[in-house]
Amino acid sequence: MSVQSMSWALDQRDIVDATARYVLLVLANYADKNGRGAFPSSGSISEDTGLSIRTVKYKLDHLLEIGVIRLGNQAIAGAYIDRHDRRPTVYDLCVERGATAAPGSERGANDNATGCSSRHDGVQTTTERGAGAAPNPSINHQLTIKEPKASVADAPAAEKKAPKFDPLTCKPSNVSDSIWADWCQHRKEIRKQLTKTTCERQAKTLAGHHWPDAVIIQSISNGWTGLFPDKVVSGGKTVSNGPDFYDQSWRTDTSDDL
C-alpha cells in the first residue's frame, strides 16, 4: 500500500462515476509510491470492492479511456507468475494528471489545456484568482502513517500502571511469617484476595492480642474469611459456638444405682 498513490486517487474528484472511482482507489492500493506496477487480478479487485468481475473489467476500461490509468510494464507480473495466460494486466496511475482543479475553474486552467501539472508530483505552480491550490498528496496525508507507540518508561508517572499489591508485604508485626503466609494462601484459595485495606484492618484487629497466630489458624481451619480474636481465649484455645457434646456435668451421680 502506498499513501502517495492513495492520496492521488482520492484527489481525482473529476471522476463522476462513483463505481469507477472506487475501482481506482483499490487499484492505487496495489501501486507503489510513484503510482506504478499495480497488477491485481480482476478477481482480487472484485473481492475488495464487492463488485462483479464483469463490472470491474468495464470500469478498468473506462479509466483507461479517460486517461486516469494506463498500461504499465507487463514484465512485472511475469516476474511473479510463470503462466502467461494467468498473468493479470499491469497498470500505472497517470499521476501527472495532478489534483483536480478547484470548483468553478475549468480543467487545465492552472497549467495547460491538457489538465496536466508542470510539476512531477501533481501540485499546481500557479492558480487563478479565487482557486485554491491543490494539496500535495505526499504531504497531505503524512499524518495518516501510524507513529510508534511510546514505551511505558516514557509515559508520565500518573499514567504508569501501579504495581500489583502483595499481601505478604503487609504482615502484622505480632504474627509469624509462616502463619501469615498460610493465611494469604488460604484467602487466595477461597478467591478472597487480601487487599491493602483488609490487611490494615486485620492488623488493627490482632493488635494487642496474645495469640494472634491461634486466631489465624482458627479461621483457616474453619474456612472463614475473617479473623475473630474474641473466640480465642487464654492459652490459645478456641471457644465453641455450639453445645459441648463432651460436657458430663449433667450427670449428677456417676455411681452404679442398679
Protein backbone atom coordinates (compact mmCIF):
# COMPACT_ATOMS: atom_id res chain seq x y z
CA MET A 1 0.00 0.00 0.00
CA SER A 2 1.25 3.49 -0.90
CA VAL A 3 -0.01 6.56 0.91
CA GLN A 4 1.04 8.75 -2.02
CA SER A 5 -0.88 6.72 -4.59
CA MET A 6 -3.99 6.53 -2.40
CA SER A 7 -3.83 10.28 -1.81
CA TRP A 8 -3.58 10.93 -5.53
CA ALA A 9 -6.58 8.69 -6.22
CA LEU A 10 -8.65 10.48 -3.59
CA ASP A 11 -7.87 13.81 -5.27
CA GLN A 12 -9.32 12.71 -8.64
CA ARG A 13 -12.68 14.27 -7.90
CA ASP A 14 -13.48 14.97 -11.53
CA ILE A 15 -14.32 11.27 -11.97
CA VAL A 16 -18.12 11.41 -11.70
CA ASP A 17 -18.63 7.65 -11.92
CA ALA A 18 -18.57 6.58 -8.27
CA THR A 19 -18.00 2.91 -9.10
CA ALA A 20 -15.05 3.73 -11.37
CA ARG A 21 -13.57 5.90 -8.63
CA TYR A 22 -13.92 3.03 -6.18
CA VAL A 23 -12.05 0.72 -8.54
CA LEU A 24 -9.34 3.38 -8.94
CA LEU A 25 -8.86 3.60 -5.16
CA VAL A 26 -8.44 -0.16 -4.90
CA LEU A 27 -6.00 -0.16 -7.83
CA ALA A 28 -3.99 2.62 -6.17
CA ASN A 29 -3.75 0.46 -3.08
CA TYR A 30 -1.66 -2.03 -5.09
CA ALA A 31 0.59 0.59 -6.75
CA ASP A 32 3.94 1.82 -5.46
CA LYS A 33 4.57 5.37 -4.24
CA ASN A 34 5.04 6.51 -7.85
CA GLY A 35 1.73 5.02 -8.92
CA ARG A 36 3.35 2.21 -10.93
CA GLY A 37 3.29 -1.56 -11.04
CA ALA A 38 -0.27 -2.31 -9.88
CA PHE A 39 -1.31 -5.74 -11.13
CA PRO A 40 -4.21 -7.09 -9.03
CA SER A 41 -6.39 -9.54 -10.90
CA SER A 42 -9.98 -8.69 -11.70
CA GLY A 43 -10.98 -11.30 -9.14
CA SER A 44 -8.92 -9.58 -6.43
CA ILE A 45 -10.47 -6.21 -7.21
CA SER A 46 -13.89 -7.87 -7.21
CA GLU A 47 -13.25 -9.28 -3.73
CA ASP A 48 -12.01 -5.90 -2.44
CA THR A 49 -14.91 -3.88 -3.85
CA GLY A 50 -17.77 -6.36 -3.79
CA LEU A 51 -18.40 -5.66 -7.48
CA SER A 52 -18.79 -8.35 -10.10
CA ILE A 53 -15.77 -9.24 -12.23
CA ARG A 54 -17.63 -8.05 -15.31
CA THR A 55 -18.25 -4.63 -13.72
CA VAL A 56 -14.60 -4.39 -12.62
CA LYS A 57 -13.37 -5.01 -16.17
CA TYR A 58 -15.81 -2.46 -17.58
CA LYS A 59 -14.66 0.21 -15.09
CA LEU A 60 -10.99 -0.51 -15.79
CA ASP A 61 -11.65 0.03 -19.50
CA HIS A 62 -13.44 3.28 -18.61
CA LEU A 63 -10.46 4.52 -16.55
CA LEU A 64 -8.12 3.69 -19.43
CA GLU A 65 -10.36 5.56 -21.85
CA ILE A 66 -10.50 8.78 -19.83
CA GLY A 67 -6.72 8.72 -19.22
CA VAL A 68 -6.66 8.12 -15.46
CA ILE A 69 -4.66 4.88 -15.76
CA ARG A 70 -2.51 3.34 -18.50
CA LEU A 71 -0.91 0.01 -19.26
CA GLY A 72 2.32 -0.48 -17.36
CA ASN A 73 5.32 -2.74 -17.66
CA GLN A 74 3.82 -6.21 -18.14
CA ALA A 75 7.13 -7.87 -17.30
CA ILE A 76 6.47 -7.05 -13.64
CA ALA A 77 3.63 -9.57 -13.49
CA GLY A 78 5.76 -12.06 -15.42
CA ALA A 79 8.36 -11.97 -12.67
CA TYR A 80 5.78 -13.35 -10.24
CA ILE A 81 3.53 -15.51 -12.43
CA ASP A 82 5.03 -18.01 -14.89
CA ARG A 83 1.94 -18.89 -16.91
CA HIS A 84 1.22 -16.24 -19.49
CA ASP A 85 -2.49 -16.98 -19.59
CA ARG A 86 -2.84 -16.31 -15.88
CA ARG A 87 -0.90 -13.07 -15.66
CA PRO A 88 -3.07 -10.06 -14.71
CA THR A 89 -2.66 -6.78 -16.55
CA VAL A 90 -0.16 -4.32 -15.06
CA TYR A 91 -1.44 -0.75 -14.71
CA ASP A 92 0.24 2.57 -13.92
CA LEU A 93 -1.61 5.54 -12.48
CA CYS A 94 -1.42 8.73 -14.52
CA VAL A 95 -0.11 10.72 -11.59
CA GLU A 96 0.91 13.55 -13.90
CA ARG A 97 -2.77 14.49 -14.00
CA GLY A 98 -2.21 16.04 -10.59
CA ALA A 99 -5.06 17.11 -8.36
CA THR A 100 -8.48 18.14 -9.58
CA ALA A 101 -8.94 21.84 -10.34
CA ALA A 102 -10.81 23.88 -7.73
CA PRO A 103 -14.59 24.23 -8.14
CA GLY A 104 -15.58 26.98 -10.56
CA SER A 105 -12.41 26.75 -12.68
CA GLU A 106 -12.09 24.90 -15.96
CA ARG A 107 -9.93 21.82 -16.27
CA GLY A 108 -6.38 22.70 -17.15
CA ALA A 109 -6.69 26.37 -16.21
CA ASN A 110 -3.78 26.14 -13.83
CA ASP A 111 -1.17 24.92 -16.30
CA ASN A 112 -2.28 23.95 -19.77
CA ALA A 113 -5.22 22.69 -21.79
CA THR A 114 -4.48 19.06 -21.08
CA GLY A 115 -5.00 19.38 -17.35
CA CYS A 116 -1.50 18.11 -16.60
CA SER A 117 0.53 19.95 -13.99
CA SER A 118 4.06 21.05 -14.81
CA ARG A 119 5.32 19.55 -11.54
CA HIS A 120 6.03 15.84 -11.33
CA ASP A 121 4.21 15.42 -8.01
CA GLY A 122 0.98 16.93 -9.31
CA VAL A 123 0.93 20.24 -7.42
CA GLN A 124 -0.04 23.37 -9.36
CA THR A 125 2.68 26.01 -9.51
CA THR A 126 0.19 28.83 -10.18
CA THR A 127 -3.54 29.22 -9.67
CA GLU A 128 -6.19 31.53 -10.97
CA ARG A 129 -7.58 34.14 -8.66
CA GLY A 130 -10.14 32.55 -6.36
CA ALA A 131 -8.96 28.99 -6.97
CA GLY A 132 -7.22 27.21 -4.12
CA ALA A 133 -4.00 25.34 -4.76
CA ALA A 134 -4.38 21.58 -4.79
CA PRO A 135 -2.67 19.82 -1.88
CA ASN A 136 0.45 17.78 -2.37
CA PRO A 137 -0.67 14.16 -1.97
CA SER A 138 2.61 13.14 -0.36
CA ILE A 139 2.26 15.88 2.29
CA ASN A 140 -1.50 16.00 2.69
CA HIS A 141 -1.70 12.53 4.25
CA GLN A 142 1.57 12.26 6.14
CA LEU A 143 -0.24 12.16 9.47
CA THR A 144 -2.13 9.02 8.45
CA ILE A 145 1.03 6.97 8.93
CA LYS A 146 0.96 5.34 12.36
CA GLU A 147 3.68 6.55 14.66
CA PRO A 148 5.34 4.08 17.08
CA LYS A 149 3.75 3.94 20.48
CA ALA A 150 5.67 5.44 23.34
CA SER A 151 7.16 2.98 25.79
CA VAL A 152 5.93 2.65 29.34
CA ALA A 153 9.14 4.23 30.60
CA ASP A 154 8.39 7.39 28.58
CA ALA A 155 4.83 7.71 29.92
CA PRO A 156 4.07 10.28 32.66
CA ALA A 157 4.20 9.00 36.22
CA ALA A 158 0.42 9.39 36.62
CA GLU A 159 -0.23 7.13 33.62
CA LYS A 160 2.08 4.31 34.72
CA LYS A 161 0.24 1.25 35.99
CA ALA A 162 0.59 0.76 39.72
CA PRO A 163 2.35 -2.46 40.78
CA LYS A 164 0.15 -5.34 41.97
CA PHE A 165 -0.34 -5.45 45.75
CA ASP A 166 1.38 -8.32 47.58
CA PRO A 167 -0.32 -9.10 50.93
CA LEU A 168 2.85 -10.80 52.20
CA THR A 169 4.43 -7.35 52.48
CA CYS A 170 1.68 -6.19 54.84
CA LYS A 171 2.14 -8.73 57.64
CA PRO A 172 1.11 -7.60 61.15
CA SER A 173 4.13 -7.23 63.42
CA ASN A 174 2.84 -9.72 66.00
CA VAL A 175 2.12 -12.55 63.53
CA SER A 176 4.73 -15.13 62.48
CA ASP A 177 5.84 -15.23 58.85
CA SER A 178 4.72 -18.82 58.20
CA ILE A 179 1.22 -18.32 59.68
CA TRP A 180 0.68 -15.11 57.72
CA ALA A 181 1.82 -16.85 54.52
CA ASP A 182 -0.71 -19.63 55.20
CA TRP A 183 -3.42 -17.01 55.74
CA CYS A 184 -2.62 -15.28 52.45
CA GLN A 185 -2.68 -18.62 50.62
CA HIS A 186 -6.00 -19.53 52.29
CA ARG A 187 -7.62 -16.29 51.16
CA LYS A 188 -6.29 -16.86 47.66
CA GLU A 189 -7.70 -20.39 47.50
CA ILE A 190 -11.18 -19.26 48.55
CA ARG A 191 -10.98 -16.45 45.98
CA LYS A 192 -10.99 -13.69 48.59
CA GLN A 193 -7.71 -11.99 47.86
CA LEU A 194 -6.37 -9.78 50.62
CA THR A 195 -6.26 -6.09 49.77
CA LYS A 196 -4.14 -3.43 51.39
CA THR A 197 -7.16 -2.04 53.24
CA THR A 198 -8.13 -5.51 54.51
CA CYS A 199 -4.61 -6.20 55.74
CA GLU A 200 -4.51 -2.90 57.62
CA ARG A 201 -7.85 -3.60 59.31
CA GLN A 202 -6.83 -7.13 60.29
CA ALA A 203 -3.57 -5.80 61.75
CA LYS A 204 -5.63 -3.49 63.97
CA THR A 205 -7.88 -6.43 64.91
CA LEU A 206 -4.89 -8.54 66.00
CA ALA A 207 -3.06 -5.67 67.70
CA GLY A 208 -2.52 -6.41 71.38
CA HIS A 209 -3.81 -9.98 71.14
CA HIS A 210 -1.67 -12.54 72.98
CA TRP A 211 -2.22 -15.38 70.49
CA PRO A 212 -2.62 -13.84 67.02
CA ASP A 213 -1.29 -17.00 65.33
CA ALA A 214 -4.02 -19.05 67.00
CA VAL A 215 -6.66 -16.61 65.71
CA ILE A 216 -5.46 -17.08 62.14
CA ILE A 217 -5.15 -20.87 62.49
CA GLN A 218 -8.74 -20.98 63.75
CA SER A 219 -10.02 -19.09 60.69
CA ILE A 220 -8.05 -21.28 58.28
CA SER A 221 -9.29 -24.48 59.93
CA ASN A 222 -12.92 -23.36 59.72
CA GLY A 223 -12.65 -21.89 56.22
CA TRP A 224 -13.52 -18.40 57.44
CA THR A 225 -12.77 -15.24 55.51
CA GLY A 226 -12.37 -13.08 58.61
CA LEU A 227 -10.47 -13.11 61.91
CA PHE A 228 -12.25 -13.44 65.26
CA PRO A 229 -9.87 -12.81 68.19
CA ASP A 230 -12.71 -13.00 70.75
CA LYS A 231 -13.12 -16.74 70.01
CA VAL A 232 -9.56 -17.49 71.15
CA VAL A 233 -9.11 -17.40 74.93
CA SER A 234 -6.25 -17.95 77.34
CA GLY A 235 -3.69 -20.42 76.13
CA GLY A 236 -4.72 -20.03 72.51
CA LYS A 237 -7.77 -22.27 72.96
CA THR A 238 -10.82 -21.87 70.76
CA VAL A 239 -14.27 -21.10 72.16
CA SER A 240 -17.01 -23.22 70.57
CA ASN A 241 -20.18 -21.53 69.36
CA GLY A 242 -22.33 -24.66 69.81
CA PRO A 243 -23.04 -27.07 72.67
CA ASP A 244 -20.17 -29.07 74.08
CA PHE A 245 -21.09 -32.69 73.49
CA TYR A 246 -18.32 -33.81 75.81
CA ASP A 247 -19.76 -31.95 78.79
CA GLN A 248 -20.63 -34.55 81.52
CA SER A 249 -21.89 -32.05 84.09
CA TRP A 250 -25.50 -33.24 83.59
CA ARG A 251 -24.60 -36.48 85.30
CA THR A 252 -25.03 -35.67 88.98
CA ASP A 253 -24.37 -39.22 90.13
CA THR A 254 -21.94 -41.48 88.40
CA SER A 255 -22.35 -44.41 90.81
CA ASP A 256 -24.00 -47.65 89.80
CA ASP A 257 -27.61 -47.40 91.01
CA LEU A 258 -28.62 -50.79 89.73
